[in-house]
Amino acid sequence: MKNNHLIYLVSFFSGFLSLAQEIIWIRLISFAGMTVPQTFSYTLALFLMGIACGASIGKSICKKNTHVKLWILGKFFLLAAIVDIILITLVYVFTKSFNISILFLGLCVFICACIRGTIFPLIHHVGTAQVKTGSQISNVYFSNVFGSALAPVLISFIALDYLNTQQVYLLICFFTIIIAVLCLNSEKLKYVGVTLAIVTLLLMFIPDKIFYEFSKKEDYLNPQLSAYPSQIFENKHGFIQVYDQGKDRVVYGANVYDGKLNTNIFHNSNGIDRAYLLPVLKPDAQEILVIGLSTGSWVKVLSMMPNLKKITVIEINPAYIDLIKTDPIVSDILKDKRIEIIFDDGRKWIKKQSNEKYDIILMNTTWYWRAYASNLLSQDFLNILKSHMKPKGILYYNTTQSADAYYTATKVFPYVYKYKFMVLSSMQPISLEDHNNIQTNLCKLVRYSTQNPVFKDQNDCSLASEIILQTPLVPYDRINFSEFSRHKPEVITDDNMITEYKYGKGL
C-alpha cells in the first residue's frame, strides 16, 4: 500500500495525542477540583464517553462514504487542533470572568474527546481499505495502542518537567496540526495548517495564563490575601502557589492551603506553636524523620534543637526547594549539614529502610480528603512507622480535623493525644504540664547558622511556653469529636480509603 508507513504514523499520533490531551485535562480539572480523588474518575468517564460518541460518528462517516481518503483524516486532525485551541481559550476567558465550573471543564473534555474519537475509525478504514489482512489490521491497531501507552510516559514524566501545562497543551495542538498537514492534499489548507502551526508554536512562549487565573483567590473574610499568586512553581509533581498576605507569604499546594513561611511563635499565623511542642516534649532528640518538607518552617524549628544529630526529610516535590531558596526565614536549612533532604515518595522510601530508628517522626500531612491521603493516614502505614520508632519515640502528624485519623492511631499506639488538630502518638505516656520545664527547654533552642539563642531572654521563653500551654494536650478518651465530626470514627486502611471517598470532600 502506498501510504502504509504514513497511516501507521497517523494511527500512532492519533492515540498519542488523544491520551496526551486527556492527561492535560485531568491536570486542569484536578487543580480546579482541589485534587480530590474523584476528579480522575470524573475526567476519565467523560473522556471515554466522548471517545465512544466520536467513534460512533466516525463509523457513520465510513458507512456513508466508503471511499474515505487520507486527506479527510487531515481535515479532522486540523479540526481537532482548532477545537482544542478554542476550548482552552474559552476556559481562560470563563476563568477570568467567573469562577470556573467543574461541569464546564467536563464539557470541554467531552468535546475534545469526541472530535479525536472520530478519527480512529477513519484511520482504520483508510489503513485497511486496500489490504484487508489480519497483519494490516493489527499493525494499525498496534500503532494506535503504542502511541496511547507512550503518551503518559513522555507527557507526565518528561514534558511536564521541562514545560508548563499551558505549553504542553499547545505543543499537543502543534503536533496535531503537523499530522494534519502531512495528510492534507489541498495546498490552500496546507498553508492554513502551517500558518496555524507557527502561531501555536509562538503562543508557547507567552507566560502562563491559565493557572494564574485558576489560582485567583477572592477571600472576602481575608482581604489582605492577594488575589493572584506572586509566584507559581510547576513541575510534573504539581503546583506550588505563593500569595502575599501582609508580611506573610501564604503557600498553596495544588490549589489547597499548605502553610506559611514563618517560624516566629509570637507571630504564630501558621500555628507554628505546634512545631515548638516537639522540642519541649523531646529535648534530647537526636534522630528525626520528617515526611513532607512543605515550606520548611517546621524543619527549621526542629533544627534548633541542641542535641540534634540528623534530620532526614522525605519530599516528593523538588519544587519546594526552589520555594525555600527564595525566603531567608527558612533558606538556611539548605546549608545545615545535619539536614538531609531526599526526593522520594515517603511511604516507598521508608519501606526500603530496615534498621533506622527515630526519636521523632513528623508527618506534614496534607488535607485528609485529598487524593492519596490514605497512604499516610492508614493503619497499615502507621504500623510501618511504628517499626521505625525508638522505644520512647513519638509520631506527630496533622489530622486536618479527621476523627478517623485519631481513631486509627489508637489501633496502633497505646497512647494517643490531640494537640490542636495534631495527633501525638507514642508507646509511652506523655504529659504537658510543667511550665518551668517547658521554659527551660525553649531557652536551650539555638539557631544553627549563628548558634544564637532563639529566644533572647527568660521572659521570651516564658511567653513562648504560655503560648504552647494555651492548647491542652488531650488524651484520646477525652477528645470531644462532636466539635468537628458528624460520624462515629472508623479505622482508615489502605483498602477502604474512607478519608478520600466515604468521608471525603468529593467534587
Protein backbone atom coordinates (compact mmCIF):
# COMPACT_ATOMS: atom_id res chain seq x y z
CA MET A 1 0.00 0.00 0.00
CA LYS A 2 1.30 3.44 -0.98
CA ASN A 3 0.60 5.19 2.33
CA ASN A 4 1.32 2.23 4.61
CA HIS A 5 4.01 3.85 6.70
CA LEU A 6 2.17 7.16 6.84
CA ILE A 7 -1.04 5.53 8.07
CA TYR A 8 0.93 3.83 10.86
CA LEU A 9 2.38 7.21 11.82
CA VAL A 10 -1.06 8.83 11.76
CA SER A 11 -2.50 5.98 13.82
CA PHE A 12 0.33 6.29 16.34
CA PHE A 13 -0.18 10.03 16.78
CA SER A 14 -3.96 9.63 16.95
CA GLY A 15 -3.54 7.54 20.10
CA PHE A 16 -0.59 9.51 21.46
CA LEU A 17 -2.15 12.96 21.09
CA SER A 18 -5.55 11.84 22.43
CA LEU A 19 -4.05 10.38 25.61
CA ALA A 20 -1.71 13.36 25.95
CA GLN A 21 -4.65 15.74 25.86
CA GLU A 22 -6.52 13.61 28.39
CA ILE A 23 -3.56 13.92 30.79
CA ILE A 24 -3.62 17.70 30.48
CA TRP A 25 -7.38 17.89 31.07
CA ILE A 26 -7.03 15.66 34.15
CA ARG A 27 -4.35 18.07 35.41
CA LEU A 28 -6.61 21.08 34.82
CA ILE A 29 -9.67 19.52 36.45
CA SER A 30 -7.66 18.10 39.34
CA PHE A 31 -6.29 21.57 40.09
CA ALA A 32 -9.71 23.22 39.83
CA GLY A 33 -11.19 20.44 41.97
CA MET A 34 -8.56 20.83 44.73
CA THR A 35 -7.03 17.42 43.87
CA VAL A 36 -9.82 15.33 45.32
CA PRO A 37 -9.56 11.73 44.01
CA GLN A 38 -12.92 11.91 42.24
CA THR A 39 -11.50 14.32 39.64
CA PHE A 40 -9.65 11.47 37.93
CA SER A 41 -12.70 9.22 37.54
CA TYR A 42 -14.84 12.20 36.52
CA THR A 43 -12.41 13.21 33.76
CA LEU A 44 -11.82 9.64 32.61
CA ALA A 45 -15.55 8.88 32.41
CA LEU A 46 -16.26 11.97 30.30
CA PHE A 47 -13.24 11.30 28.10
CA LEU A 48 -14.32 7.71 27.44
CA MET A 49 -17.88 8.82 26.69
CA GLY A 50 -16.51 11.41 24.29
CA ILE A 51 -14.31 8.80 22.58
CA ALA A 52 -17.31 6.45 22.27
CA CYS A 53 -19.50 9.20 20.84
CA GLY A 54 -16.77 10.24 18.40
CA ALA A 55 -16.19 6.63 17.33
CA SER A 56 -19.89 6.31 16.57
CA ILE A 57 -19.72 9.43 14.38
CA GLY A 58 -16.62 8.07 12.66
CA LYS A 59 -18.40 4.80 11.96
CA SER A 60 -21.34 6.66 10.39
CA ILE A 61 -18.98 8.63 8.15
CA CYS A 62 -17.33 5.42 6.96
CA LYS A 63 -20.70 3.84 6.19
CA LYS A 64 -21.90 6.82 4.19
CA ASN A 65 -18.60 7.31 2.38
CA THR A 66 -16.83 4.06 1.61
CA HIS A 67 -14.03 5.91 -0.17
CA VAL A 68 -12.62 7.82 2.80
CA LYS A 69 -9.19 9.15 1.88
CA LEU A 70 -6.16 10.26 3.83
CA TRP A 71 -6.92 13.94 3.23
CA ILE A 72 -10.19 13.58 5.14
CA LEU A 73 -8.13 12.48 8.15
CA GLY A 74 -6.10 15.66 7.71
CA LYS A 75 -9.24 17.78 7.93
CA PHE A 76 -10.30 16.04 11.15
CA PHE A 77 -6.87 16.48 12.71
CA LEU A 78 -6.97 20.16 11.77
CA LEU A 79 -10.47 20.43 13.23
CA ALA A 80 -9.31 18.73 16.46
CA ALA A 81 -6.46 21.23 16.86
CA ILE A 82 -8.72 24.24 16.20
CA VAL A 83 -11.36 22.95 18.65
CA ASP A 84 -8.68 22.35 21.31
CA ILE A 85 -7.38 25.91 20.93
CA ILE A 86 -10.92 27.30 21.14
CA LEU A 87 -11.67 25.21 24.23
CA ILE A 88 -8.59 26.34 26.16
CA THR A 89 -9.31 29.95 25.15
CA LEU A 90 -12.86 29.62 26.48
CA VAL A 91 -11.53 28.12 29.72
CA TYR A 92 -9.23 31.12 30.14
CA VAL A 93 -11.99 33.66 29.36
CA PHE A 94 -14.53 31.98 31.65
CA THR A 95 -12.00 31.65 34.46
CA LYS A 96 -11.01 35.31 34.18
CA SER A 97 -14.63 36.48 34.32
CA PHE A 98 -16.26 33.89 36.59
CA ASN A 99 -15.42 31.08 38.98
CA ILE A 100 -14.64 28.16 36.69
CA SER A 101 -17.11 25.28 36.88
CA ILE A 102 -16.11 21.64 37.02
CA LEU A 103 -19.14 20.95 34.81
CA PHE A 104 -17.86 23.37 32.17
CA LEU A 105 -14.42 21.76 32.22
CA GLY A 106 -16.08 18.37 31.93
CA LEU A 107 -17.97 19.56 28.85
CA CYS A 108 -14.66 20.67 27.33
CA VAL A 109 -13.19 17.21 27.96
CA PHE A 110 -16.18 15.55 26.29
CA ILE A 111 -15.97 17.78 23.19
CA CYS A 112 -12.18 17.30 22.90
CA ALA A 113 -12.52 13.51 23.18
CA CYS A 114 -15.46 13.39 20.79
CA ILE A 115 -13.54 15.12 17.99
CA ARG A 116 -10.45 12.98 18.50
CA GLY A 117 -12.53 9.83 18.92
CA THR A 118 -13.98 10.36 15.45
CA ILE A 119 -10.54 10.00 13.89
CA PHE A 120 -9.58 6.41 14.71
CA PRO A 121 -12.45 4.64 12.87
CA LEU A 122 -11.46 6.73 9.84
CA ILE A 123 -7.81 5.73 10.25
CA HIS A 124 -8.80 2.06 10.45
CA HIS A 125 -10.97 2.45 7.36
CA VAL A 126 -8.21 4.16 5.33
CA GLY A 127 -5.47 1.86 6.68
CA THR A 128 -7.28 -1.34 5.66
CA ALA A 129 -9.05 -0.12 2.53
CA GLN A 130 -6.64 -1.80 0.11
CA VAL A 131 -5.16 -4.57 2.26
CA LYS A 132 -7.72 -6.26 4.49
CA THR A 133 -5.36 -8.77 6.06
CA GLY A 134 -5.04 -9.64 9.71
CA SER A 135 -1.50 -8.28 9.85
CA GLN A 136 -2.52 -4.94 8.34
CA ILE A 137 -5.41 -4.53 10.79
CA SER A 138 -3.21 -5.47 13.74
CA ASN A 139 -0.45 -3.08 12.62
CA VAL A 140 -2.88 -0.16 12.50
CA TYR A 141 -4.25 -1.07 15.92
CA PHE A 142 -0.79 -1.65 17.38
CA SER A 143 0.39 1.77 16.21
CA ASN A 144 -2.57 3.42 17.94
CA VAL A 145 -2.21 1.46 21.18
CA PHE A 146 1.56 2.03 21.26
CA GLY A 147 1.01 5.77 20.93
CA SER A 148 -1.61 5.70 23.69
CA ALA A 149 0.74 3.78 26.00
CA LEU A 150 3.70 6.05 25.32
CA ALA A 151 1.83 9.31 25.99
CA PRO A 152 1.66 9.01 29.81
CA VAL A 153 5.40 8.34 29.95
CA LEU A 154 6.53 11.15 27.66
CA ILE A 155 3.99 13.74 28.84
CA SER A 156 3.66 13.02 32.58
CA PHE A 157 7.27 12.15 33.35
CA ILE A 158 9.28 14.15 30.82
CA ALA A 159 7.45 17.01 29.09
CA LEU A 160 5.85 18.38 32.27
CA ASP A 161 9.24 18.54 33.94
CA TYR A 162 10.53 20.99 31.32
CA LEU A 163 7.39 22.80 30.14
CA ASN A 164 4.38 24.13 32.00
CA THR A 165 0.90 22.70 31.43
CA GLN A 166 -0.16 25.51 29.10
CA GLN A 167 2.90 24.95 26.91
CA VAL A 168 2.37 21.18 26.76
CA TYR A 169 -1.27 21.70 25.78
CA LEU A 170 -0.22 23.99 22.92
CA LEU A 171 2.56 21.58 21.93
CA ILE A 172 -0.06 18.82 21.56
CA CYS A 173 -2.10 21.16 19.35
CA PHE A 174 1.03 21.92 17.32
CA PHE A 175 1.75 18.24 16.62
CA THR A 176 -1.91 17.67 15.80
CA ILE A 177 -1.65 20.37 13.10
CA ILE A 178 1.60 18.88 11.76
CA ILE A 179 -0.11 15.49 11.31
CA ALA A 180 -3.00 17.28 9.59
CA VAL A 181 -0.59 18.97 7.14
CA LEU A 182 1.00 15.60 6.32
CA CYS A 183 -2.39 14.16 5.42
CA LEU A 184 -3.94 17.08 3.51
CA ASN A 185 -3.80 17.24 -0.28
CA SER A 186 -5.07 20.81 -0.69
CA GLU A 187 -2.27 23.38 -0.98
CA LYS A 188 -4.51 26.11 0.48
CA LEU A 189 -5.37 24.00 3.53
CA LYS A 190 -1.71 23.10 3.96
CA TYR A 191 -0.79 26.79 4.04
CA VAL A 192 -3.55 27.38 6.59
CA GLY A 193 -2.23 24.47 8.65
CA VAL A 194 1.39 25.66 8.52
CA THR A 195 0.35 29.20 9.49
CA LEU A 196 -1.73 27.88 12.39
CA ALA A 197 1.15 25.65 13.50
CA ILE A 198 3.55 28.62 13.56
CA VAL A 199 1.06 30.71 15.57
CA THR A 200 0.53 27.83 18.02
CA LEU A 201 4.28 27.41 18.42
CA LEU A 202 4.71 31.14 19.10
CA LEU A 203 1.91 31.03 21.71
CA MET A 204 4.04 28.60 23.71
CA PHE A 205 6.39 31.47 24.56
CA ILE A 206 3.78 33.64 26.27
CA PRO A 207 3.72 33.50 30.11
CA ASP A 208 1.37 31.05 31.80
CA LYS A 209 -2.13 32.49 31.96
CA ILE A 210 -4.41 29.53 32.66
CA PHE A 211 -3.17 28.53 36.10
CA TYR A 212 -2.73 32.10 37.28
CA GLU A 213 -6.45 32.53 36.60
CA PHE A 214 -7.22 29.16 38.20
CA SER A 215 -5.22 30.29 41.25
CA LYS A 216 -7.17 33.51 41.73
CA LYS A 217 -8.48 33.87 45.29
CA GLU A 218 -11.37 36.08 46.36
CA ASP A 219 -11.36 35.79 50.13
CA TYR A 220 -13.75 38.42 51.49
CA LEU A 221 -13.05 37.31 55.07
CA ASN A 222 -9.37 37.83 54.49
CA PRO A 223 -8.98 40.84 52.15
CA GLN A 224 -5.22 41.02 52.81
CA LEU A 225 -4.68 37.85 50.77
CA SER A 226 -3.56 38.82 47.28
CA ALA A 227 -5.96 37.73 44.55
CA TYR A 228 -3.26 36.33 42.28
CA PRO A 229 -0.20 34.36 43.35
CA SER A 230 3.09 36.23 43.35
CA GLN A 231 4.79 33.01 42.23
CA ILE A 232 3.83 29.62 40.83
CA PHE A 233 6.28 26.72 40.84
CA GLU A 234 5.23 23.95 38.48
CA ASN A 235 6.65 20.56 37.54
CA LYS A 236 5.43 17.02 36.86
CA HIS A 237 4.56 16.58 40.55
CA GLY A 238 2.17 19.51 40.62
CA PHE A 239 1.93 23.16 41.58
CA ILE A 240 3.08 25.39 44.43
CA GLN A 241 1.40 28.81 44.63
CA VAL A 242 2.68 31.67 46.78
CA TYR A 243 0.41 34.56 47.84
CA ASP A 244 1.28 37.74 49.70
CA GLN A 245 -0.72 38.40 52.86
CA GLY A 246 0.64 41.45 54.60
CA LYS A 247 4.01 40.37 55.98
CA ASP A 248 3.21 36.70 55.42
CA ARG A 249 3.84 34.55 52.37
CA VAL A 250 1.00 32.04 52.12
CA VAL A 251 1.71 28.77 50.30
CA TYR A 252 -0.82 26.60 48.49
CA GLY A 253 -0.05 23.17 47.11
CA ALA A 254 -2.11 22.30 44.00
CA ASN A 255 -4.71 24.94 44.92
CA VAL A 256 -5.07 23.84 48.55
CA TYR A 257 -3.71 25.73 51.59
CA ASP A 258 -0.32 24.30 52.56
CA GLY A 259 1.10 26.72 55.12
CA LYS A 260 3.00 29.96 55.63
CA LEU A 261 6.68 30.82 55.68
CA ASN A 262 7.03 31.65 59.37
CA THR A 263 8.97 30.30 62.36
CA ASN A 264 8.14 33.05 64.88
CA ILE A 265 5.97 31.63 67.67
CA PHE A 266 4.95 35.15 68.72
CA HIS A 267 3.57 35.79 65.25
CA ASN A 268 2.06 32.26 65.05
CA SER A 269 -0.02 33.00 61.94
CA ASN A 270 0.57 29.44 60.74
CA GLY A 271 0.16 27.65 64.07
CA ILE A 272 3.91 27.19 64.36
CA ASP A 273 3.46 26.62 68.10
CA ARG A 274 2.59 23.04 67.08
CA ALA A 275 6.17 22.60 65.86
CA TYR A 276 7.65 24.07 69.05
CA LEU A 277 5.81 21.40 71.03
CA LEU A 278 8.29 18.77 69.82
CA PRO A 279 11.49 20.33 71.29
CA VAL A 280 9.54 20.73 74.54
CA LEU A 281 8.47 17.08 74.70
CA LYS A 282 11.68 15.53 73.31
CA PRO A 283 14.54 17.96 74.10
CA ASP A 284 17.09 15.13 73.88
CA ALA A 285 16.02 14.02 70.37
CA GLN A 286 18.94 13.22 68.07
CA GLU A 287 17.43 11.45 65.06
CA ILE A 288 14.32 12.93 63.40
CA LEU A 289 12.38 11.83 60.32
CA VAL A 290 10.16 14.37 58.54
CA ILE A 291 7.80 13.19 55.80
CA GLY A 292 6.78 16.24 53.78
CA LEU A 293 9.04 19.30 53.59
CA SER A 294 6.40 21.83 52.54
CA THR A 295 7.50 25.41 53.35
CA GLY A 296 10.42 24.21 55.50
CA SER A 297 9.15 26.16 58.52
CA TRP A 298 8.66 23.07 60.69
CA VAL A 299 12.06 21.65 59.73
CA LYS A 300 13.64 24.99 60.63
CA VAL A 301 12.11 24.81 64.14
CA LEU A 302 13.29 21.23 64.63
CA SER A 303 16.81 22.22 63.51
CA MET A 304 17.01 24.48 66.58
CA MET A 305 17.14 21.51 68.98
CA PRO A 306 20.50 21.47 70.81
CA ASN A 307 21.17 17.70 70.82
CA LEU A 308 20.14 17.11 67.21
CA LYS A 309 22.41 14.94 65.09
CA LYS A 310 20.34 14.44 61.94
CA ILE A 311 17.02 15.33 60.33
CA THR A 312 16.03 13.18 57.37
CA VAL A 313 13.40 14.88 55.21
CA ILE A 314 11.47 12.96 52.56
CA GLU A 315 9.72 15.17 49.99
CA ILE A 316 8.21 14.08 46.69
CA ASN A 317 8.21 17.52 45.02
CA PRO A 318 11.64 19.12 44.41
CA ALA A 319 9.97 22.47 43.66
CA TYR A 320 9.71 23.12 47.42
CA ILE A 321 13.47 23.60 47.42
CA ASP A 322 13.06 26.38 44.85
CA LEU A 323 10.46 27.97 47.12
CA ILE A 324 12.63 27.71 50.23
CA LYS A 325 15.59 29.28 48.43
CA THR A 326 13.54 32.46 47.92
CA ASP A 327 12.88 33.12 51.62
CA PRO A 328 15.58 33.97 54.21
CA ILE A 329 13.33 32.75 57.03
CA VAL A 330 13.91 29.13 56.04
CA SER A 331 16.60 29.12 53.33
CA ASP A 332 19.45 28.34 55.75
CA ILE A 333 18.10 24.81 56.31
CA LEU A 334 19.56 24.02 52.89
CA LYS A 335 23.04 24.78 54.27
CA ASP A 336 22.58 22.83 57.51
CA LYS A 337 24.80 19.74 57.26
CA ARG A 338 22.60 17.88 59.76
CA ILE A 339 19.61 18.04 57.39
CA GLU A 340 19.37 15.57 54.53
CA ILE A 341 16.57 16.15 52.02
CA ILE A 342 15.63 13.14 49.89
CA PHE A 343 13.23 13.44 46.95
CA ASP A 344 11.08 10.34 47.00
CA ASP A 345 7.68 9.06 47.98
CA GLY A 346 7.71 8.92 51.79
CA ARG A 347 5.98 5.58 52.04
CA LYS A 348 8.10 3.92 49.36
CA TRP A 349 11.30 5.27 50.90
CA ILE A 350 10.69 4.15 54.47
CA LYS A 351 9.69 0.65 53.36
CA LYS A 352 13.19 0.29 51.92
CA GLN A 353 14.80 1.13 55.28
CA SER A 354 15.48 -1.75 57.65
CA ASN A 355 17.34 -0.67 60.79
CA GLU A 356 16.76 3.09 61.07
CA LYS A 357 15.06 4.24 64.28
CA TYR A 358 13.95 7.77 65.10
CA ASP A 359 13.23 9.77 68.25
CA ILE A 360 10.64 11.85 66.41
CA ILE A 361 8.69 11.14 63.23
CA LEU A 362 6.81 14.18 61.93
CA MET A 363 4.40 13.94 59.01
CA ASN A 364 3.48 17.27 57.47
CA THR A 365 0.23 15.67 56.34
CA THR A 366 -1.99 17.24 53.71
CA TRP A 367 -5.79 17.50 53.94
CA TYR A 368 -7.34 14.13 54.69
CA TRP A 369 -9.78 14.32 51.75
CA ARG A 370 -7.14 14.78 49.04
CA ALA A 371 -6.03 12.03 46.67
CA TYR A 372 -3.52 9.59 48.23
CA ALA A 373 -4.03 10.93 51.78
CA SER A 374 -4.85 7.39 52.92
CA ASN A 375 -1.27 6.41 52.11
CA LEU A 376 -0.17 8.42 55.16
CA LEU A 377 -3.20 8.13 57.45
CA SER A 378 -3.92 4.40 57.15
CA GLN A 379 -3.39 1.83 59.89
CA ASP A 380 -1.09 -0.03 57.51
CA PHE A 381 1.31 2.89 57.20
CA LEU A 382 1.22 3.73 60.91
CA ASN A 383 2.38 0.17 61.62
CA ILE A 384 5.30 0.70 59.23
CA LEU A 385 6.24 3.94 61.03
CA LYS A 386 5.91 2.28 64.43
CA SER A 387 8.63 -0.19 63.50
CA HIS A 388 10.99 2.74 62.87
CA MET A 389 10.41 4.49 66.20
CA LYS A 390 12.70 4.21 69.19
CA PRO A 391 11.07 2.82 72.37
CA LYS A 392 10.41 6.33 73.69
CA GLY A 393 9.90 7.87 70.26
CA ILE A 394 6.86 9.87 69.20
CA LEU A 395 4.86 10.14 65.98
CA TYR A 396 3.28 13.52 65.28
CA TYR A 397 1.07 14.37 62.32
CA ASN A 398 -1.82 16.56 61.21
CA THR A 399 -5.31 15.05 61.07
CA THR A 400 -6.76 18.16 59.37
CA GLN A 401 -9.85 17.51 61.53
CA SER A 402 -10.38 13.87 60.63
CA ALA A 403 -11.83 11.96 63.58
CA ASP A 404 -10.94 8.75 61.75
CA ALA A 405 -7.24 9.67 61.86
CA TYR A 406 -7.33 9.90 65.67
CA TYR A 407 -9.23 6.64 65.98
CA THR A 408 -6.87 4.83 63.59
CA ALA A 409 -3.88 5.94 65.69
CA THR A 410 -5.40 4.21 68.76
CA LYS A 411 -5.35 0.89 66.88
CA VAL A 412 -1.56 1.12 66.57
CA PHE A 413 -0.38 3.05 69.65
CA PRO A 414 -1.41 2.70 73.31
CA TYR A 415 -1.05 6.43 73.95
CA VAL A 416 -2.71 8.92 71.60
CA TYR A 417 -3.20 12.63 72.25
CA LYS A 418 -4.72 15.62 70.49
CA TYR A 419 -2.89 18.95 70.25
CA LYS A 420 -5.00 21.36 68.22
CA PHE A 421 -5.74 19.05 65.25
CA MET A 422 -2.47 17.16 65.50
CA VAL A 423 -2.13 13.52 66.57
CA LEU A 424 0.63 12.77 69.05
CA SER A 425 1.24 9.02 69.37
CA SER A 426 3.68 7.06 71.49
CA MET A 427 4.36 3.79 73.27
CA GLN A 428 4.89 5.79 76.49
CA PRO A 429 2.58 8.22 78.32
CA ILE A 430 3.21 11.90 77.61
CA SER A 431 2.34 14.96 79.69
CA LEU A 432 2.47 18.71 79.09
CA GLU A 433 2.06 20.43 82.43
CA ASP A 434 5.32 21.81 83.87
CA HIS A 435 5.67 25.46 82.81
CA ASN A 436 9.21 25.73 84.18
CA ASN A 437 10.38 22.62 82.33
CA ILE A 438 8.87 23.89 79.08
CA GLN A 439 10.52 27.27 79.60
CA THR A 440 13.91 25.64 80.25
CA ASN A 441 13.70 23.52 77.09
CA LEU A 442 12.71 26.50 74.96
CA CYS A 443 15.65 28.54 76.27
CA LYS A 444 18.01 25.80 75.01
CA LEU A 445 16.96 26.27 71.39
CA VAL A 446 19.63 27.85 69.16
CA ARG A 447 19.91 28.90 65.53
CA TYR A 448 22.34 26.53 63.86
CA SER A 449 23.87 29.09 61.47
CA THR A 450 24.80 31.57 64.26
CA GLN A 451 24.47 29.48 67.44
CA ASN A 452 22.48 32.37 68.90
CA PRO A 453 19.55 31.53 71.19
CA VAL A 454 16.14 31.57 69.53
CA PHE A 455 14.62 33.43 72.47
CA LYS A 456 16.59 36.43 73.70
CA ASP A 457 15.85 36.04 77.44
CA GLN A 458 13.93 34.15 80.12
CA ASN A 459 10.93 36.41 79.66
CA ASP A 460 10.61 35.45 75.96
CA CYS A 461 10.95 31.76 76.88
CA SER A 462 8.19 32.20 79.45
CA LEU A 463 5.89 33.92 76.97
CA ALA A 464 6.52 31.20 74.39
CA SER A 465 5.77 28.46 76.92
CA GLU A 466 2.49 30.18 77.75
CA ILE A 467 1.54 30.13 74.07
CA ILE A 468 2.21 26.38 73.94
CA LEU A 469 0.25 25.77 77.13
CA GLN A 470 -2.76 27.69 75.82
CA THR A 471 -3.64 24.49 73.95
CA PRO A 472 -4.08 21.43 76.18
CA LEU A 473 -2.62 18.03 75.29
CA VAL A 474 -5.85 15.98 75.34
CA PRO A 475 -5.77 12.17 75.80
CA TYR A 476 -7.81 10.30 73.21
CA ASP A 477 -10.56 9.27 75.63
CA ARG A 478 -11.27 12.93 76.43
CA ILE A 479 -11.45 14.23 72.85
CA ASN A 480 -14.82 15.78 72.00
CA PHE A 481 -15.31 14.59 68.43
CA SER A 482 -18.70 16.30 68.14
CA GLU A 483 -16.80 19.57 67.66
CA PHE A 484 -15.57 18.54 64.21
CA SER A 485 -17.10 15.19 63.21
CA ARG A 486 -20.64 14.06 62.44
CA HIS A 487 -19.96 10.33 62.24
CA LYS A 488 -18.62 7.65 64.51
CA PRO A 489 -14.84 7.32 63.91
CA GLU A 490 -13.69 4.37 61.80
CA VAL A 491 -10.30 2.77 61.06
CA ILE A 492 -8.58 4.03 57.91
CA THR A 493 -6.92 1.29 55.88
CA ASP A 494 -5.13 1.13 52.53
CA ASP A 495 -8.15 -0.74 51.17
CA ASN A 496 -11.12 1.29 52.42
CA MET A 497 -9.62 4.78 51.81
CA ILE A 498 -12.53 6.27 53.77
CA THR A 499 -10.99 9.71 54.19
CA GLU A 500 -10.83 10.14 50.43
CA TYR A 501 -14.14 8.59 49.42
CA LYS A 502 -16.62 7.75 52.18
CA TYR A 503 -15.99 10.88 54.24
CA GLY A 504 -14.04 12.91 51.72
CA LYS A 505 -14.75 16.33 50.29
CA GLY A 506 -15.74 14.98 46.86
CA LEU A 507 -16.43 17.09 43.79
